[in-house]
Protein backbone atom coordinates (compact mmCIF):
# COMPACT_ATOMS: atom_id res chain seq x y z
CA UNK A 1 -30.77 34.56 25.78
CA UNK A 2 -34.16 36.11 25.09
CA UNK A 3 -36.19 33.77 27.57
CA UNK A 4 -34.61 36.43 30.25
CA UNK A 5 -35.95 39.44 29.33
CA UNK A 6 -39.70 37.86 29.18
CA UNK A 7 -41.94 37.61 31.91
CA UNK A 8 -41.53 34.26 33.45
CA UNK A 9 -44.00 33.95 35.99
CA UNK A 10 -47.22 35.52 37.77
CA UNK A 11 -47.71 36.73 41.10
CA UNK A 12 -50.60 34.97 43.23
CA UNK A 13 -50.21 36.43 46.43
CA UNK A 14 -48.29 37.02 49.79
CA UNK A 15 -45.43 34.79 50.82
CA UNK A 16 -45.22 33.13 54.68
CA UNK A 17 -43.01 36.08 56.19
CA UNK A 18 -43.80 39.81 55.45
CA UNK A 19 -40.60 40.30 53.55
CA UNK A 20 -41.97 37.02 50.24
CA UNK A 21 -44.04 36.89 47.75
CA UNK A 22 -45.12 33.35 45.70
CA UNK A 23 -44.98 33.39 41.49
CA UNK A 24 -46.26 30.57 39.93
CA UNK A 25 -44.16 29.33 36.88
CA UNK A 26 -43.81 27.02 34.53
CA UNK A 27 -39.82 26.21 34.89
CA UNK A 28 -39.38 23.53 31.65
CA UNK A 29 -35.61 24.92 31.37
CA UNK A 30 -34.57 24.96 34.76
CA UNK A 31 -33.86 28.19 34.92
CA UNK A 32 -35.59 29.16 38.54
CA UNK A 33 -33.46 27.48 40.26
CA UNK A 34 -33.33 28.00 44.29
CA UNK A 35 -31.09 31.16 45.00
CA UNK A 36 -32.21 32.61 41.92
CA UNK A 37 -32.64 36.13 41.67
CA UNK A 38 -36.01 37.94 39.81
CA UNK A 39 -37.55 41.41 39.86
CA UNK A 40 -40.59 42.82 39.08
CA UNK A 41 -41.25 46.65 37.94
CA UNK A 42 -43.24 49.15 40.79
CA UNK A 43 -42.87 53.25 39.44
CA UNK A 44 -40.11 52.68 36.91
CA UNK A 45 -37.92 50.72 39.65
CA UNK A 46 -36.70 47.33 39.53
CA UNK A 47 -37.41 45.27 42.62
CA UNK A 48 -35.37 43.06 42.86
CA UNK A 49 -35.75 39.16 45.18
CA UNK A 50 -34.23 36.07 45.74
CA UNK A 51 -36.11 32.59 45.12
CA UNK A 52 -35.92 30.78 48.63
CA UNK A 53 -38.48 28.09 48.27
CA UNK A 54 -39.10 25.98 44.79
CA UNK A 55 -41.81 23.04 45.48
CA UNK A 56 -44.26 21.77 42.54
CA UNK A 57 -47.77 23.14 42.24
CA UNK A 58 -49.49 20.69 40.14
CA UNK A 59 -47.38 18.30 37.53
CA UNK A 60 -48.04 15.50 34.99
CA UNK A 61 -51.52 12.99 36.47
CA UNK A 62 -50.25 10.08 39.26
CA UNK A 63 -51.25 7.11 36.07
CA UNK A 64 -49.03 8.82 33.71
CA UNK A 65 -46.10 8.47 35.84
CA UNK A 66 -46.82 4.77 37.08
CA UNK A 67 -44.86 2.94 34.88
CA UNK A 68 -41.25 3.87 34.47
CA UNK A 69 -41.50 1.52 31.62
CA UNK A 70 -43.92 3.90 29.76
CA UNK A 71 -42.26 7.16 28.45
CA UNK A 72 -45.17 9.86 29.92
CA UNK A 73 -45.23 12.06 27.05
CA UNK A 74 -46.31 9.49 24.82
CA UNK A 75 -49.26 8.57 27.32
CA UNK A 76 -49.70 12.54 26.97
CA UNK A 77 -49.85 12.26 23.20
CA UNK A 78 -52.15 9.45 23.51
CA UNK A 79 -54.95 11.34 25.67
CA UNK A 80 -54.98 14.79 23.25
CA UNK A 81 -52.82 16.57 25.48
CA UNK A 82 -50.09 17.69 22.95
CA UNK A 83 -47.24 19.37 23.89
CA UNK A 84 -47.80 17.47 27.17
CA UNK A 85 -47.86 19.74 30.12
CA UNK A 86 -44.82 20.98 31.94
CA UNK A 87 -44.42 20.80 36.13
CA UNK A 88 -46.39 24.16 37.19
CA UNK A 89 -43.60 25.42 40.65
CA UNK A 90 -44.95 27.65 43.32
CA UNK A 91 -41.91 29.54 44.19
CA UNK A 92 -41.22 31.88 47.23
CA UNK A 93 -39.25 34.91 46.96
CA UNK A 94 -37.08 37.12 49.49
CA UNK A 95 -37.53 40.79 48.57
CA UNK A 96 -33.77 42.24 48.42
CA UNK A 97 -35.69 46.16 46.94
CA UNK A 98 -34.78 48.12 44.94
CA UNK A 99 -30.66 49.29 44.35
CA UNK A 100 -29.57 52.87 45.44
CA UNK A 101 -26.12 53.84 44.73
CA UNK A 102 -25.73 55.14 47.79
CA UNK A 103 -28.15 53.50 50.77
CA UNK A 104 -27.73 50.08 48.75
CA UNK A 105 -30.81 48.09 48.42
CA UNK A 106 -34.22 49.84 49.60
CA UNK A 107 -36.65 47.51 51.23
CA UNK A 108 -40.09 49.56 48.99
CA UNK A 109 -42.03 47.12 51.83
CA UNK A 110 -45.27 46.43 49.72
CA UNK A 111 -45.38 43.52 47.85
CA UNK A 112 -46.37 42.68 44.05
CA UNK A 113 -50.24 42.49 43.59
CA UNK A 114 -51.90 39.77 42.37
CA UNK A 115 -51.14 39.07 39.01
CA UNK A 116 -47.96 41.02 38.27
CA UNK A 117 -45.59 39.99 35.92
CA UNK A 118 -41.64 38.21 37.32
CA UNK A 119 -38.77 38.49 35.40
CA UNK A 120 -35.93 36.38 35.83
CA UNK A 121 -32.38 39.04 35.93
CA UNK A 122 -30.50 39.68 32.98
CA UNK A 123 -27.10 38.71 33.39
CA UNK A 124 -25.94 42.32 32.77
CA UNK A 125 -28.69 43.23 35.15
CA UNK A 126 -27.67 41.38 37.50
CA UNK A 127 -23.43 41.68 37.06
CA UNK A 128 -24.63 45.57 37.89
CA UNK A 129 -26.68 44.81 40.47
CA UNK A 130 -25.19 42.25 42.64
CA UNK A 131 -21.35 43.66 42.59
CA UNK A 132 -20.58 47.51 44.13
CA UNK A 133 -17.21 48.03 41.70
CA UNK A 134 -16.63 47.09 38.06
CA UNK A 135 -14.22 44.83 37.00
CA UNK A 136 -10.84 45.91 38.06
CA UNK A 137 -11.91 49.28 39.14
CA UNK A 138 -9.66 50.34 42.34
CA UNK A 139 -10.87 48.31 45.14
CA UNK A 140 -12.29 45.21 42.68
CA UNK A 141 -11.68 42.08 44.00
CA UNK A 142 -13.32 39.43 41.86
CA UNK A 143 -13.29 36.16 43.20
CA UNK A 144 -16.12 34.28 41.25
CA UNK A 145 -19.14 34.18 39.26
CA UNK A 146 -23.00 34.01 40.04
CA UNK A 147 -23.45 30.29 40.54
CA UNK A 148 -26.88 30.08 38.78
CA UNK A 149 -25.40 30.90 35.88
CA UNK A 150 -23.19 29.40 33.83
CA UNK A 151 -19.24 30.09 34.89
CA UNK A 152 -18.29 32.96 34.28
CA UNK A 153 -21.31 34.83 32.84
CA UNK A 154 -22.21 37.25 36.03
CA UNK A 155 -18.93 37.47 37.85
CA UNK A 156 -19.03 38.75 41.12
CA UNK A 157 -16.72 42.32 43.00
CA UNK A 158 -16.10 42.33 45.88
CA UNK A 159 -15.23 45.39 47.37
CA UNK A 160 -12.36 45.45 49.18
CA UNK A 161 -12.65 48.70 51.07
CA UNK A 162 -15.91 46.88 53.00
CA UNK A 163 -12.84 44.32 54.05
CA UNK A 164 -10.01 46.08 54.72
CA UNK A 165 -12.26 48.22 56.80
CA UNK A 166 -14.39 45.78 58.22
CA UNK A 167 -12.91 42.91 58.24
CA UNK A 168 -13.00 39.71 56.80
CA UNK A 169 -14.61 35.86 57.78
CA UNK A 170 -13.71 33.13 55.14
CA UNK A 171 -15.48 29.53 57.21
CA UNK A 172 -15.50 26.38 55.80
CA UNK A 173 -15.08 22.49 56.50
CA UNK A 174 -11.87 20.82 55.55
CA UNK A 175 -11.91 21.00 52.06
CA UNK A 176 -14.40 22.85 51.11
CA UNK A 177 -11.54 25.33 49.83
CA UNK A 178 -11.65 28.46 52.33
CA UNK A 179 -7.30 28.13 51.24
CA UNK A 180 -8.20 28.19 47.60
CA UNK A 181 -10.66 30.76 48.01
CA UNK A 182 -7.79 33.48 50.29
CA UNK A 183 -5.67 32.93 47.94
CA UNK A 184 -7.52 33.46 45.32
CA UNK A 185 -8.63 37.13 47.22
CA UNK A 186 -4.85 37.55 47.65
CA UNK A 187 -4.07 37.24 44.28
CA UNK A 188 -6.59 40.23 43.48
CA UNK A 189 -5.60 42.53 46.17
CA UNK A 190 -2.02 42.39 44.35
CA UNK A 191 -3.41 43.24 40.91
CA UNK A 192 -2.02 46.31 39.71
CA UNK A 193 -5.40 47.83 40.17
CA UNK A 194 -5.17 47.33 44.07
CA UNK A 195 -1.48 47.01 45.00
CA UNK A 196 -2.41 45.77 48.63
CA UNK A 197 -0.25 45.87 51.48
CA UNK A 198 -0.83 42.37 52.68
CA UNK A 199 0.89 39.81 55.17
CA UNK A 200 -0.50 36.41 55.79
CA UNK A 201 -0.34 34.02 58.84
CA UNK A 202 0.40 30.90 57.61
CA UNK A 203 1.07 28.69 59.99
CA UNK A 204 0.80 24.70 57.71
CA UNK A 205 3.06 26.68 55.16
CA UNK A 206 0.55 26.54 52.62
CA UNK A 207 0.92 30.40 50.63
CA UNK A 208 3.98 29.98 49.27
CA UNK A 209 2.83 29.33 45.62
CA UNK A 210 1.64 32.97 46.12
CA UNK A 211 5.57 33.57 44.53
CA UNK A 212 4.40 32.64 41.62
CA UNK A 213 2.51 35.88 40.73
CA UNK A 214 6.01 37.51 40.20
CA UNK A 215 6.13 35.94 37.49
CA UNK A 216 2.94 35.94 35.46
CA UNK A 217 1.93 38.45 33.47
CA UNK A 218 -1.59 39.35 34.68
CA UNK A 219 -0.39 40.64 38.01
CA UNK A 220 2.87 43.49 36.06
CA UNK A 221 1.99 47.18 34.93
CA UNK A 222 4.22 49.42 33.33
CA UNK A 223 4.40 51.19 36.62
CA UNK A 224 3.91 48.07 38.85
CA UNK A 225 5.66 44.71 39.75
CA UNK A 226 4.53 42.51 42.74
CA UNK A 227 6.61 41.05 45.64
CA UNK A 228 6.50 37.97 47.65
CA UNK A 229 8.41 37.36 50.58
CA UNK A 230 8.16 34.74 52.36
CA UNK A 231 9.45 34.82 56.03
CA UNK A 232 10.67 30.93 56.73
CA UNK A 233 11.37 29.96 60.95
CA UNK A 234 14.98 31.26 60.91
CA UNK A 235 14.02 34.36 59.06
CA UNK A 236 11.36 35.54 61.76
CA UNK A 237 12.91 37.10 65.01
CA UNK A 238 11.13 39.10 67.95
CA UNK A 239 12.66 41.86 70.29
CA UNK A 240 12.89 41.13 73.62
CA UNK A 241 11.32 44.52 74.56
CA UNK A 242 8.17 43.95 72.35
CA UNK A 243 7.41 41.89 74.31
CA UNK A 244 5.11 42.38 77.38
CA UNK A 245 4.19 40.93 80.79
CA UNK A 246 1.15 38.46 79.18
CA UNK A 247 3.80 37.70 76.86
CA UNK A 248 6.09 36.35 79.35
CA UNK A 249 2.94 34.51 81.50
CA UNK A 250 2.15 32.76 78.92
CA UNK A 251 5.45 31.74 77.27
CA UNK A 252 5.54 30.74 81.13
CA UNK A 253 2.95 28.97 82.51
CA UNK A 254 2.29 27.34 85.66
CA UNK A 255 4.18 29.82 87.10
CA UNK A 256 3.23 29.96 91.29
CA UNK A 257 1.31 33.63 92.69
CA UNK A 258 4.82 34.02 94.17
CA UNK A 259 6.26 33.76 90.96
CA UNK A 260 4.10 35.91 88.87
CA UNK A 261 4.26 38.81 91.73
CA UNK A 262 8.43 38.37 91.09
CA UNK A 263 7.37 38.94 87.73
CA UNK A 264 5.62 41.67 87.37
CA UNK A 265 7.78 43.50 89.85
CA UNK A 266 11.01 42.64 87.64
CA UNK A 267 9.48 43.58 84.88
CA UNK A 268 8.43 46.64 85.36
CA UNK A 269 11.72 47.52 87.12
CA UNK A 270 13.68 45.95 83.79
CA UNK A 271 11.84 47.76 81.53
CA UNK A 272 11.76 51.20 83.28
CA UNK A 273 15.67 50.38 84.49
CA UNK A 274 16.38 50.14 80.79
CA UNK A 275 14.39 53.35 79.21
CA UNK A 276 18.10 55.28 79.44
CA UNK A 277 19.98 53.01 77.96
CA UNK A 278 17.86 51.85 75.08
CA UNK A 279 15.79 48.56 75.05
CA UNK A 280 15.15 45.50 78.07
CA UNK A 281 17.21 42.35 77.19
CA UNK A 282 16.83 39.01 79.39
CA UNK A 283 19.62 40.14 81.10
CA UNK A 284 17.90 43.14 82.79
CA UNK A 285 14.99 40.55 83.57
CA UNK A 286 17.81 37.92 85.69
CA UNK A 287 18.81 41.32 87.06
CA UNK A 288 15.80 42.31 88.39
CA UNK A 289 14.52 38.77 90.06
CA UNK A 290 17.33 38.68 91.60
CA UNK A 291 17.20 42.21 93.12
CA UNK A 292 15.95 41.86 96.92
CA UNK A 293 12.56 43.48 96.40
CA UNK A 294 12.61 45.00 100.22
CA UNK A 295 16.40 45.05 100.91
CA UNK A 296 16.25 41.63 103.15
CA UNK A 297 18.83 39.28 102.41
CA UNK A 298 16.21 36.42 102.25
CA UNK A 299 14.52 37.79 99.82
CA UNK A 300 17.83 36.60 97.19
CA UNK A 301 17.70 33.09 98.92
CA UNK A 302 14.00 32.64 98.33
CA UNK A 303 13.72 28.97 96.43
CA UNK A 304 10.75 30.74 93.95
CA UNK A 305 13.71 33.07 92.73
CA UNK A 306 15.66 30.11 91.36
CA UNK A 307 13.28 28.54 89.79
CA UNK A 308 11.97 31.77 87.72
CA UNK A 309 14.97 32.27 86.58
CA UNK A 310 15.65 28.40 85.14
CA UNK A 311 12.09 29.51 83.26
CA UNK A 312 13.97 32.82 82.08
CA UNK A 313 16.95 30.93 81.13
CA UNK A 314 15.43 28.75 79.07
CA UNK A 315 13.15 31.31 77.64
CA UNK A 316 16.06 32.94 76.69
CA UNK A 317 17.98 30.73 74.70
CA UNK A 318 14.97 30.47 71.99
CA UNK A 319 16.36 31.83 69.43
CA UNK A 320 12.93 33.58 68.22
CA UNK A 321 13.69 36.05 71.10
CA UNK A 322 16.44 38.70 70.41
CA UNK A 323 18.14 41.56 71.96
CA UNK A 324 18.48 44.06 69.27
CA UNK A 325 17.00 42.07 65.67
CA UNK A 326 12.78 42.87 64.53
CA UNK A 327 10.88 42.13 62.31
CA UNK A 328 10.59 46.42 60.85
CA UNK A 329 6.92 46.87 60.10
CA UNK A 330 8.49 48.99 56.89
CA UNK A 331 10.14 45.72 55.18
CA UNK A 332 7.34 43.73 56.85
CA UNK A 333 4.47 45.06 55.06
CA UNK A 334 4.07 47.62 52.51
CA UNK A 335 1.69 48.87 48.98
CA UNK A 336 2.82 46.00 46.56
CA UNK A 337 3.84 43.26 48.80
CA UNK A 338 2.38 40.52 49.84
CA UNK A 339 4.23 38.90 52.99
CA UNK A 340 3.39 35.36 53.70
CA UNK A 341 4.65 34.59 57.84
CA UNK A 342 5.27 31.04 57.94
CA UNK A 343 5.08 29.27 60.94
CA UNK A 344 4.98 25.29 60.45
CA UNK A 345 8.06 24.34 63.01
CA UNK A 346 7.38 26.82 65.37
CA UNK A 347 5.17 25.61 68.82
CA UNK A 348 2.14 26.73 69.32
CA UNK A 349 2.92 29.01 71.78
CA UNK A 350 5.68 31.30 70.43
CA UNK A 351 3.72 31.42 67.43
CA UNK A 352 1.15 33.11 69.27
CA UNK A 353 2.92 35.94 70.79
CA UNK A 354 4.84 35.78 67.76
CA UNK A 355 1.34 37.32 65.56
CA UNK A 356 0.00 39.17 68.94
CA UNK A 357 3.24 41.38 69.42
CA UNK A 358 3.44 41.92 65.33
CA UNK A 359 -0.73 42.58 65.16
CA UNK A 360 0.31 44.90 68.43
CA UNK A 361 2.80 46.74 66.47
CA UNK A 362 0.89 47.12 63.70
CA UNK A 363 -1.97 48.44 65.34
CA UNK A 364 0.44 50.60 67.53
CA UNK A 365 2.27 52.20 64.32
CA UNK A 366 -0.80 52.69 62.47
CA UNK A 367 -2.95 54.66 65.32
CA UNK A 368 0.56 56.50 66.25
CA UNK A 369 0.60 57.53 62.19
CA UNK A 370 -2.94 58.12 61.80
CA UNK A 371 -2.96 60.87 64.93
CA UNK A 372 0.32 62.17 64.37
CA UNK A 373 2.37 60.69 67.11
CA UNK A 374 4.84 59.55 64.81
CA UNK A 375 7.07 61.12 62.42
CA UNK A 376 8.66 59.64 58.76
CA UNK A 377 11.93 57.39 58.72
CA UNK A 378 10.75 56.16 62.97
CA UNK A 379 10.44 52.33 62.98
CA UNK A 380 6.82 53.23 63.79
CA UNK A 381 5.32 55.49 60.84
CA UNK A 382 3.36 53.25 58.19
CA UNK A 383 2.05 55.52 56.58
CA UNK A 384 -0.82 53.25 54.84
CA UNK A 385 -3.50 50.63 55.08
CA UNK A 386 -3.16 47.53 55.59
CA UNK A 387 -4.76 43.86 56.07
CA UNK A 388 -3.94 41.22 57.55
CA UNK A 389 -5.05 37.31 56.79
CA UNK A 390 -5.24 34.85 59.32
CA UNK A 391 -5.11 31.41 58.37
CA UNK A 392 -6.62 28.89 61.42
CA UNK A 393 -7.95 31.78 63.30
CA UNK A 394 -9.83 29.57 66.32
CA UNK A 395 -6.18 28.95 67.35
CA UNK A 396 -5.48 32.53 67.59
CA UNK A 397 -8.56 33.54 68.88
CA UNK A 398 -10.52 30.53 70.85
CA UNK A 399 -13.82 29.97 71.94
CA UNK A 400 -12.70 28.30 75.41
CA UNK A 401 -9.85 30.32 76.43
CA UNK A 402 -8.64 34.33 76.54
CA UNK A 403 -5.34 33.27 75.41
CA UNK A 404 -2.85 36.44 74.07
CA UNK A 405 -3.48 36.95 71.03
CA UNK A 406 -7.72 36.88 71.75
CA UNK A 407 -7.19 40.30 73.63
CA UNK A 408 -5.15 42.39 70.98
CA UNK A 409 -7.63 40.73 67.61
CA UNK A 410 -10.57 42.08 69.54
CA UNK A 411 -8.73 45.52 70.00
CA UNK A 412 -8.39 45.37 66.23
CA UNK A 413 -11.55 44.01 65.04
CA UNK A 414 -13.60 46.88 66.89
CA UNK A 415 -11.33 49.65 66.95
CA UNK A 416 -8.69 48.90 63.46
CA UNK A 417 -11.40 50.40 61.16
CA UNK A 418 -10.52 53.46 62.40
CA UNK A 419 -6.57 53.27 61.67
CA UNK A 420 -6.89 51.33 58.36
CA UNK A 421 -6.10 48.21 59.82
CA UNK A 422 -7.71 44.23 58.43
CA UNK A 423 -8.16 41.32 59.67
CA UNK A 424 -9.23 38.10 57.40
CA UNK A 425 -10.13 35.43 59.68
CA UNK A 426 -10.10 31.71 58.55
CA UNK A 427 -11.74 28.78 59.98
CA UNK A 428 -12.65 25.37 60.16
CA UNK A 429 -14.60 25.78 62.82
CA UNK A 430 -16.90 28.85 63.95
CA UNK A 431 -17.92 26.60 67.00
CA UNK A 432 -14.45 27.13 68.35
CA UNK A 433 -13.85 30.50 67.02
CA UNK A 434 -14.93 33.87 69.87
CA UNK A 435 -18.46 34.45 68.80
CA UNK A 436 -17.52 38.14 69.84
CA UNK A 437 -14.49 38.06 67.01
CA UNK A 438 -16.40 36.34 64.22
CA UNK A 439 -19.72 38.56 64.52
CA UNK A 440 -17.47 41.62 64.27
CA UNK A 441 -16.29 40.68 60.50
CA UNK A 442 -18.99 42.68 58.24
CA UNK A 443 -17.59 40.34 54.71
CA UNK A 444 -18.88 36.82 55.36
CA UNK A 445 -17.09 34.25 53.09
CA UNK A 446 -18.80 30.78 54.08
CA UNK A 447 -18.95 27.49 52.23
CA UNK A 448 -19.41 24.36 52.72
CA UNK A 449 -20.26 23.65 56.89
CA UNK A 450 -21.68 19.76 57.98
CA UNK A 451 -20.82 20.52 61.75
CA UNK A 452 -24.20 21.52 63.16
CA UNK A 453 -22.18 23.70 65.94
CA UNK A 454 -20.95 25.25 63.12
CA UNK A 455 -23.95 26.04 61.67
CA UNK A 456 -25.22 27.03 64.70
CA UNK A 457 -22.02 29.43 65.60
CA UNK A 458 -22.33 30.63 61.95
CA UNK A 459 -26.28 31.44 61.94
CA UNK A 460 -25.88 33.45 65.59
CA UNK A 461 -22.73 35.51 64.38
CA UNK A 462 -23.27 35.82 60.73
CA UNK A 463 -27.09 38.39 60.90
CA UNK A 464 -26.51 39.40 57.34
CA UNK A 465 -27.18 35.88 55.75
CA UNK A 466 -30.59 34.69 55.70
CA UNK A 467 -31.87 31.05 56.74
CA UNK A 468 -32.66 29.90 53.39
CA UNK A 469 -28.90 29.91 52.62
CA UNK A 470 -27.55 28.62 55.64
CA UNK A 471 -29.57 25.52 55.21
CA UNK A 472 -27.77 25.46 51.86
CA UNK A 473 -24.69 25.29 53.41
CA UNK A 474 -24.13 21.47 53.60
CA UNK A 475 -25.12 20.78 49.99
CA UNK A 476 -22.71 23.20 48.92
CA UNK A 477 -19.78 21.82 47.07
CA UNK A 478 -16.02 22.27 46.89
CA UNK A 479 -15.91 25.38 45.78
CA UNK A 480 -19.00 27.14 46.30
CA UNK A 481 -19.87 29.84 49.08
CA UNK A 482 -21.71 32.17 49.85
CA UNK A 483 -20.97 35.71 49.83
CA UNK A 484 -22.18 38.38 52.25
CA UNK A 485 -22.07 41.67 54.04
CA UNK A 486 -20.73 44.58 53.39
CA UNK A 487 -18.35 43.83 50.37
CA UNK A 488 -21.45 42.93 48.39
CA UNK A 489 -24.79 45.02 47.87
CA UNK A 490 -27.17 41.39 48.77
CA UNK A 491 -26.35 37.46 49.54
CA UNK A 492 -25.19 35.42 46.43
CA UNK A 493 -23.85 32.34 46.29
CA UNK A 494 -21.22 32.01 44.19
CA UNK A 495 -18.57 29.83 42.33
CA UNK A 496 -14.70 30.53 43.41
CA UNK A 497 -12.55 31.60 40.05
CA UNK A 498 -9.60 29.12 39.54
CA UNK A 499 -6.48 30.89 40.97
CA UNK A 500 -3.76 32.11 38.36
CA UNK A 501 -0.67 30.48 40.76
CA UNK A 502 -0.96 27.15 42.30
CA UNK A 503 -2.77 25.73 45.16
CA UNK A 504 -1.07 25.53 47.84
CA UNK A 505 -2.90 22.27 49.78
CA UNK A 506 -4.05 19.85 47.79
CA UNK A 507 -5.92 17.07 48.70
CA UNK A 508 -2.87 13.86 49.16
CA UNK A 509 -4.01 11.28 46.40
CA UNK A 510 -3.14 8.20 48.99
CA UNK A 511 -3.98 5.35 46.89
CA UNK A 512 -1.46 6.75 43.81
CA UNK A 513 1.41 6.87 46.39
CA UNK A 514 0.61 3.95 47.79
CA UNK A 515 0.86 2.41 44.12
CA UNK A 516 3.13 4.15 42.59
CA UNK A 517 6.02 3.68 45.79
CA UNK A 518 8.97 1.63 45.52
CA UNK A 519 11.20 0.47 48.01
CA UNK A 520 14.72 -0.22 46.08
CA UNK A 521 16.83 -0.54 48.88
CA UNK A 522 16.89 -4.71 50.11
CA UNK A 523 15.08 -5.24 53.11
CA UNK A 524 16.75 -5.89 56.03
CA UNK A 525 17.01 -9.28 58.24
CA UNK A 526 14.85 -9.64 61.55
CA UNK A 527 17.34 -8.80 64.26
CA UNK A 528 15.87 -12.01 66.11
CA UNK A 529 14.80 -14.03 63.58
CA UNK A 530 16.63 -13.34 60.15
CA UNK A 531 13.04 -12.67 58.09
CA UNK A 532 13.00 -9.61 56.22
CA UNK A 533 10.41 -6.96 56.90
CA UNK A 534 7.46 -8.14 55.37
CA UNK A 535 7.83 -11.32 54.86
CA UNK A 536 6.09 -14.05 56.57
CA UNK A 537 6.89 -17.24 57.55
CA UNK A 538 4.97 -20.67 56.27
CA UNK A 539 2.83 -21.80 59.71
CA UNK A 540 2.44 -25.70 59.90
CA UNK A 541 0.22 -27.59 62.20
CA UNK A 542 0.44 -31.18 63.28
CA UNK A 543 -2.17 -33.34 64.95
CA UNK A 544 -0.29 -33.45 68.25
CA UNK A 545 0.00 -29.77 68.80
CA UNK A 546 -1.53 -28.73 72.21
CA UNK A 547 -4.04 -25.96 70.65
C-alpha cells in the first residue's frame, strides 16, 4: 500500500515516560492500531517504536453525533465541512530504537523533536526488523505473522538458537492455544533446515498427531526424512540403578525418621556393594535393609524393617522399574527424531520420577560428552544438543512444593546453556509454576491469560514484555500471542500460523455429541420396579392423600 510509505503523523512531544513520545495523526483506515510499529528518521537511521496507547484528540462536534438516526456525514456536508473531518488521534509510542546487527535494538536516548514526521513501517521493513533470521535459514522457526497486519504479510521467525539454549515458556489459559502453538514449534524444529533432536513430555496424550509429519512433503528433503516415535506406558522402562535416594523417598512417602535412616544406609550399601557386579537392583536393596546395621540381632527384628521391606516389595512389583531395561539415550533422542513420551496412564508420582530420571541422564550425558569424560559408544555419550518440551510444567516444578523434578529442572535451566540441553515449559497456570523456573526461560510465548494471579506471576517473572502488552493478555483471542525474549528482536503480537499436522487436543463439541448419540440397545428393566431406565411412571394424586 502506497500510504504506508508516506508520513502518517507529526510528533507532538515527549510522552508520559522518559522512553516514549506522542504524535498526532488522522487514521481513517485504522492502520495505527495498538501494538503497531512506526518510526522516524534520525541521521539516516530508522528509529522504531511501538504504539502503546491510542486516544481521541478531536472528533466531530457532539451536536453532529446526537441523533443516531441522522448521518453525521450528511450534517457535516450541510455545514460546509466537505469532506467531513475524520477523527484526530493522539498516539503514544514506546521507543525501541534502531537495529544493530550485533547488538539488536539500540536505544538512541533521544526522542524526536516536535514536528518530526512519523511513518508506518512497511511489511518488508518489519519482516527484516522483527525476526533475527530469514525464512528457512538454519534455526528459523516460523510460528505466525504480525497480528496488526493481514495474515501472512509480516511472518515472524523465532531464532531456535535462543530458546534451545536459554529455554522457552509457553503460557496460556485453558483453551487459548498453548498446545497448538507447541505443535507448531515442534513442526518447525523437524523441518529439513533444522532437523532437531526433540523430546516431548506428554502427560495427556495430545501430541501423537505429530506422527503425521513423517508423511507430509514439507518435511522431506533429498537427504532427510524426519521420524516420530511415540512411547506409550508399556514401552517406558526405568532402570532401577538410575534411581537416586530422593526418587525412592518420593515413591515411598510417609516414612518415619527411622525408616529414612534405614533406607539411606541400605541405598548406599546396595549401590556400593553392587558396583563390582554391575548395577544394583531391588534385591540388593532388600538384602541391605535386612542386614544388621550394628551387628546386633535386634536390628533384624526391628518392626520398621518389615514396614520398609513391605514398601520396597510394592515398588518392586511396579513394571515401570526394571533391573536391566532402560530407555537408551541414543534411541530416545537424536537429530531428525521427535520422541513423544506419553505418560497419561501412569500415576503422577511415577510420572515425576520418570521425568526426573530422564532429565538427569540427559543432563549428565551432555556434561560428560562436552567435557570429554565419555567416548563414542558409551551409553552416556550424547554428541548433539537436545530440546525437551514439557507439557503441564506446573506439575513438575510447582510453586508450592519442592518435588523430585524441581531440583533437576532448576539445575538444567541455570546450567543447560553451557551443555546444549534446552527446555520448553508449557503451563496453563503460571501462578502455580515456580517463579525461579519461569524467570529462567528467556523466550516467552504468552497467549490469553485471564487469571489475575497468573498475570501477576508473568509480570514479575518476565521482564522483557512491556506493561502495555501485558495489559492485552485478557483480550487476546484464541491463537493470538505475545512473543518476547531472546529469540526475537523485540516483543511482538502475532497470530499463530495454521498447523500442518492435526491438532491433538481439540475442544470437544459436547452438544453435537449429545445430539448424535444413539443407544441402540433396548433398555433393561429396573431390578426393583420393572421400569426401564429413563422411563418415568405417571403419578396420580387423590384428594384423600395425606400430603
